[in-house]
Amino acid sequence: MPRVLILDDDDRLASMLVRYLGERGVEAEIAPDIATGLARLRSQPPDALLLDVMLPDGDGFDVLRQLRGGLAPELPVLMLTARGDATDRIVGLEMGADDYLPKPFDPRELLARLHAVLRRAGPSTTTSPDALVFGRLLIDPGARSVTLDGQARELTAHQFDLLLVLARAAGRVLSREQLLEQARGDVLGAFDRSIDVHMSRIRAAIEDDPKRPRRIKTVRGVGYVFVAAQD
């Protein structure tokens, strides 16, 4: 699971990001000021840094300068700021920031940009040894992430669990009951077909044409099967 440090004094925003990222397979912790942030960076280096420009005890650009000057020259840095003018973006990028996102922002965009900078940093920070690769589709249990053609695909935690159970049993038909039990340890109710809705949404995320699925096939009267075709 990737670890991210959020260096931002906006408690409400940072707490929201910790919850949002945690639900999507990214462990995050908060440092409210530069002194705390630098201490965390030295003691427990994260896989990426979300860095606010305006901080109570200094400037985020100063932190970036220290990182690129030797403290953590390769650490992926995504800068956040309420000052979204072009000059700030150019300065940050020229100083070595990997990306720049002005506030307010959609957390989905932040997650997509975060995955992108982690991918660019190299597979060692983003791909678990037990990652499952099916052609253009990558399912990473450690990061709890799914990418297709290198692009992150959004799934809920439950949908990810269902996909992972199917993918690990590629080529074997699983009933709805088996899927639900293996994903969450739950027992499917006699009239509960919510799993079909989840499968529809998983297909929307990973299939080129969800109406003509190639990866997740329905076996009428039985359940579902993941087809491990390379494409």
Protein backbone atom coordinates (compact mmCIF):
# COMPACT_ATOMS: atom_id res chain seq x y z
CA MET A 1 0.00 0.00 0.00
CA PRO A 2 1.52 3.38 -0.97
CA ARG A 3 2.21 5.78 1.91
CA VAL A 4 1.59 9.49 1.46
CA LEU A 5 2.45 12.41 3.72
CA ILE A 6 0.08 15.39 3.59
CA LEU A 7 1.97 18.54 4.59
CA ASP A 8 -0.92 20.97 4.97
CA ASP A 9 -2.28 23.04 7.87
CA ASP A 10 -5.89 22.86 6.66
CA ASP A 11 -7.15 20.29 9.19
CA ARG A 12 -10.52 19.79 7.52
CA LEU A 13 -9.07 19.21 4.06
CA ALA A 14 -6.25 16.99 5.29
CA SER A 15 -8.59 14.83 7.39
CA MET A 16 -10.94 14.43 4.42
CA LEU A 17 -8.02 13.34 2.23
CA VAL A 18 -6.84 10.80 4.83
CA ARG A 19 -10.30 9.19 4.79
CA TYR A 20 -10.74 9.40 1.03
CA LEU A 21 -7.31 8.00 0.18
CA GLY A 22 -7.51 5.33 2.86
CA GLU A 23 -10.74 4.00 1.36
CA ARG A 24 -8.92 3.70 -1.97
CA GLY A 25 -5.84 1.85 -0.87
CA VAL A 26 -3.51 4.74 -0.06
CA GLU A 27 -2.25 5.17 3.52
CA ALA A 28 -1.97 8.86 4.42
CA GLU A 29 -0.84 10.83 7.45
CA ILE A 30 -0.87 14.54 8.21
CA ALA A 31 1.88 16.99 9.12
CA PRO A 32 0.41 20.44 9.92
CA ASP A 33 3.66 22.39 9.64
CA ILE A 34 7.12 22.28 8.08
CA ALA A 35 8.94 21.23 11.27
CA THR A 36 6.68 18.20 11.73
CA GLY A 37 6.78 17.40 8.03
CA LEU A 38 10.57 17.41 7.79
CA ALA A 39 10.82 15.21 10.89
CA ARG A 40 8.42 12.69 9.36
CA LEU A 41 10.25 12.79 6.02
CA ARG A 42 13.52 11.95 7.77
CA SER A 43 12.18 9.26 10.12
CA GLN A 44 9.63 7.52 7.87
CA PRO A 45 10.05 8.54 4.23
CA PRO A 46 6.71 8.22 2.40
CA ASP A 47 6.16 7.13 -1.18
CA ALA A 48 4.84 10.58 -2.11
CA LEU A 49 4.28 14.03 -0.61
CA LEU A 50 1.22 16.27 -0.94
CA LEU A 51 2.73 19.67 -0.24
CA ASP A 52 0.82 22.87 0.46
CA VAL A 53 2.52 26.10 -0.57
CA MET A 54 1.29 28.30 2.28
CA LEU A 55 2.25 26.86 5.68
CA PRO A 56 2.23 28.41 9.17
CA ASP A 57 6.00 28.22 9.68
CA GLY A 58 7.26 28.86 6.17
CA ASP A 59 6.83 28.30 2.47
CA GLY A 60 6.23 25.02 0.69
CA PHE A 61 8.75 26.07 -1.93
CA ASP A 62 11.42 26.05 0.80
CA VAL A 63 10.48 22.46 1.64
CA LEU A 64 10.70 21.51 -2.02
CA ARG A 65 14.11 23.17 -2.25
CA GLN A 66 15.38 21.07 0.66
CA LEU A 67 13.96 17.89 -0.84
CA ARG A 68 15.53 18.40 -4.23
CA GLY A 69 18.73 19.67 -2.63
CA GLY A 70 19.46 16.31 -1.06
CA LEU A 71 16.91 15.38 1.61
CA ALA A 72 14.73 13.36 -0.82
CA PRO A 73 15.69 14.20 -4.42
CA GLU A 74 13.55 11.45 -5.98
CA LEU A 75 10.46 11.73 -3.78
CA PRO A 76 7.30 12.34 -5.88
CA VAL A 77 5.80 15.71 -4.87
CA LEU A 78 2.32 16.95 -5.73
CA MET A 79 1.94 20.59 -4.72
CA LEU A 80 -1.36 21.99 -3.45
CA THR A 81 -2.20 25.67 -3.15
CA ALA A 82 -5.02 28.15 -2.96
CA ARG A 83 -2.84 30.41 -5.10
CA GLY A 84 -3.51 28.90 -8.49
CA ASP A 85 -1.85 31.48 -10.70
CA ALA A 86 0.52 30.46 -13.48
CA THR A 87 3.60 31.95 -11.80
CA ASP A 88 3.25 29.68 -8.76
CA ARG A 89 2.75 26.63 -10.97
CA ILE A 90 5.78 27.44 -13.07
CA VAL A 91 7.99 28.10 -10.03
CA GLY A 92 6.91 24.85 -8.38
CA LEU A 93 7.46 22.76 -11.48
CA GLU A 94 10.80 24.38 -12.26
CA MET A 95 11.95 23.66 -8.70
CA GLY A 96 11.19 19.98 -9.20
CA ALA A 97 7.56 19.39 -8.24
CA ASP A 98 6.07 16.47 -10.15
CA ASP A 99 2.61 18.03 -10.44
CA TYR A 100 0.58 20.99 -9.21
CA LEU A 101 -3.08 21.13 -8.18
CA PRO A 102 -4.85 24.39 -7.20
CA LYS A 103 -7.46 24.43 -4.44
CA PRO A 104 -10.32 23.73 -4.39
CA PHE A 105 -9.99 20.45 -6.25
CA ASP A 106 -11.95 17.27 -6.86
CA PRO A 107 -10.42 14.48 -4.71
CA ARG A 108 -10.87 12.12 -7.65
CA GLU A 109 -8.53 14.29 -9.70
CA LEU A 110 -6.02 14.37 -6.87
CA LEU A 111 -6.11 10.56 -6.64
CA ALA A 112 -5.59 10.22 -10.40
CA ARG A 113 -2.67 12.67 -10.34
CA LEU A 114 -1.20 10.91 -7.30
CA HIS A 115 -1.30 7.55 -9.06
CA ALA A 116 0.33 9.16 -12.09
CA VAL A 117 3.28 10.60 -10.15
CA LEU A 118 3.73 7.29 -8.32
CA ARG A 119 3.80 5.42 -11.63
CA ARG A 120 6.37 7.82 -13.03
CA ALA A 121 8.50 7.34 -9.94
CA GLY A 122 8.92 3.67 -10.83
CA PRO A 123 7.24 0.31 -10.28
CA SER A 124 8.92 -0.26 -6.93
CA THR A 125 6.69 2.34 -5.26
CA THR A 126 3.46 1.41 -6.98
CA THR A 127 3.34 -2.28 -7.82
CA SER A 128 3.19 -5.05 -5.25
CA PRO A 129 5.07 -8.31 -5.84
CA ASP A 130 1.70 -10.10 -5.94
CA ALA A 131 0.17 -7.76 -8.52
CA LEU A 132 -1.96 -9.52 -11.15
CA VAL A 133 -1.31 -8.56 -14.77
CA PHE A 134 -3.72 -9.50 -17.55
CA GLY A 135 -2.46 -7.78 -20.68
CA ARG A 136 -3.44 -4.12 -20.37
CA LEU A 137 -5.14 -4.66 -17.00
CA LEU A 138 -3.19 -4.52 -13.72
CA ILE A 139 -4.74 -5.37 -10.35
CA ASP A 140 -2.50 -4.49 -7.41
CA PRO A 141 -3.67 -5.99 -4.08
CA GLY A 142 -1.04 -4.10 -2.09
CA ALA A 143 -2.03 -0.68 -3.41
CA ARG A 144 -5.66 -1.81 -3.80
CA SER A 145 -5.59 -0.20 -7.22
CA VAL A 146 -6.68 -1.13 -10.73
CA THR A 147 -5.20 0.34 -13.87
CA LEU A 148 -6.07 -0.18 -17.52
CA ASP A 149 -3.53 1.03 -20.08
CA GLY A 150 -1.77 2.72 -17.15
CA GLN A 151 -4.84 4.75 -16.21
CA ALA A 152 -6.36 4.38 -12.75
CA ARG A 153 -9.86 2.90 -12.66
CA GLU A 154 -12.18 3.87 -9.82
CA LEU A 155 -13.79 1.07 -7.82
CA THR A 156 -15.31 1.02 -4.35
CA ALA A 157 -13.55 -1.11 -1.73
CA HIS A 158 -16.21 -3.83 -2.10
CA GLN A 159 -15.97 -3.81 -5.89
CA PHE A 160 -12.19 -4.13 -5.70
CA ASP A 161 -12.56 -7.14 -3.38
CA LEU A 162 -14.99 -8.80 -5.78
CA LEU A 163 -12.71 -8.19 -8.77
CA LEU A 164 -9.69 -9.52 -6.88
CA VAL A 165 -11.53 -12.74 -5.91
CA LEU A 166 -12.53 -13.27 -9.55
CA ALA A 167 -9.07 -12.49 -10.93
CA ARG A 168 -7.32 -14.81 -8.49
CA ALA A 169 -9.65 -17.59 -9.65
CA ALA A 170 -9.23 -16.72 -13.35
CA GLY A 171 -10.81 -19.31 -15.61
CA ARG A 172 -12.95 -20.78 -12.82
CA VAL A 173 -16.67 -20.08 -12.56
CA LEU A 174 -17.68 -18.68 -9.17
CA SER A 175 -21.24 -18.47 -7.94
CA ARG A 176 -22.61 -15.26 -6.50
CA GLU A 177 -22.56 -16.91 -3.08
CA GLN A 178 -18.88 -17.88 -3.43
CA LEU A 179 -17.94 -14.40 -4.60
CA LEU A 180 -19.61 -12.62 -1.74
CA GLU A 181 -18.34 -15.04 0.88
CA GLN A 182 -14.73 -14.91 -0.35
CA ALA A 183 -14.77 -11.12 -0.79
CA ARG A 184 -16.24 -10.20 2.57
CA GLY A 185 -17.17 -13.34 4.44
CA ASP A 186 -20.86 -12.55 3.99
CA VAL A 187 -23.62 -14.94 3.01
CA LEU A 188 -25.77 -13.96 0.06
CA GLY A 189 -29.44 -13.60 0.86
CA ALA A 190 -31.93 -15.52 -1.21
CA PHE A 191 -33.23 -12.38 -2.95
CA ASP A 192 -30.06 -10.32 -2.80
CA ARG A 193 -28.78 -9.56 -6.28
CA SER A 194 -26.85 -6.39 -5.42
CA ILE A 195 -23.72 -8.24 -6.52
CA ASP A 196 -25.00 -8.01 -10.10
CA VAL A 197 -25.04 -4.23 -9.78
CA HIS A 198 -21.46 -4.27 -8.52
CA MET A 199 -20.42 -6.48 -11.43
CA SER A 200 -22.00 -4.06 -13.85
CA ARG A 201 -19.99 -1.20 -12.36
CA ILE A 202 -16.77 -3.23 -12.38
CA ARG A 203 -17.33 -3.94 -16.06
CA ALA A 204 -17.90 -0.24 -16.69
CA ALA A 205 -14.48 0.40 -15.16
CA ILE A 206 -12.36 -2.32 -16.79
CA GLU A 207 -14.10 -3.37 -20.00
CA ASP A 208 -13.56 -1.65 -23.35
CA ASP A 209 -17.23 -2.27 -24.10
CA PRO A 210 -19.19 -3.08 -20.92
CA LYS A 211 -22.14 -4.30 -22.99
CA ARG A 212 -19.90 -6.91 -24.62
CA PRO A 213 -17.57 -7.85 -21.76
CA ARG A 214 -14.41 -9.82 -22.52
CA ARG A 215 -12.86 -9.98 -19.07
CA ILE A 216 -15.80 -10.77 -16.79
CA LYS A 217 -18.31 -13.18 -18.32
CA THR A 218 -21.71 -14.14 -16.92
CA VAL A 219 -22.39 -17.86 -16.74
CA ARG A 220 -26.17 -18.01 -16.83
CA GLY A 221 -27.70 -19.69 -13.82
CA VAL A 222 -24.32 -20.06 -12.10
CA GLY A 223 -22.34 -16.87 -11.60
CA TYR A 224 -19.30 -15.18 -13.10
CA VAL A 225 -15.89 -16.07 -14.53
CA PHE A 226 -12.81 -13.91 -15.10
CA VAL A 227 -11.25 -14.57 -18.50
CA ALA A 228 -7.46 -14.26 -18.31
CA ALA A 229 -7.01 -13.38 -21.97
CA GLN A 230 -3.95 -11.27 -22.80
CA ASP A 231 -4.81 -8.18 -24.85
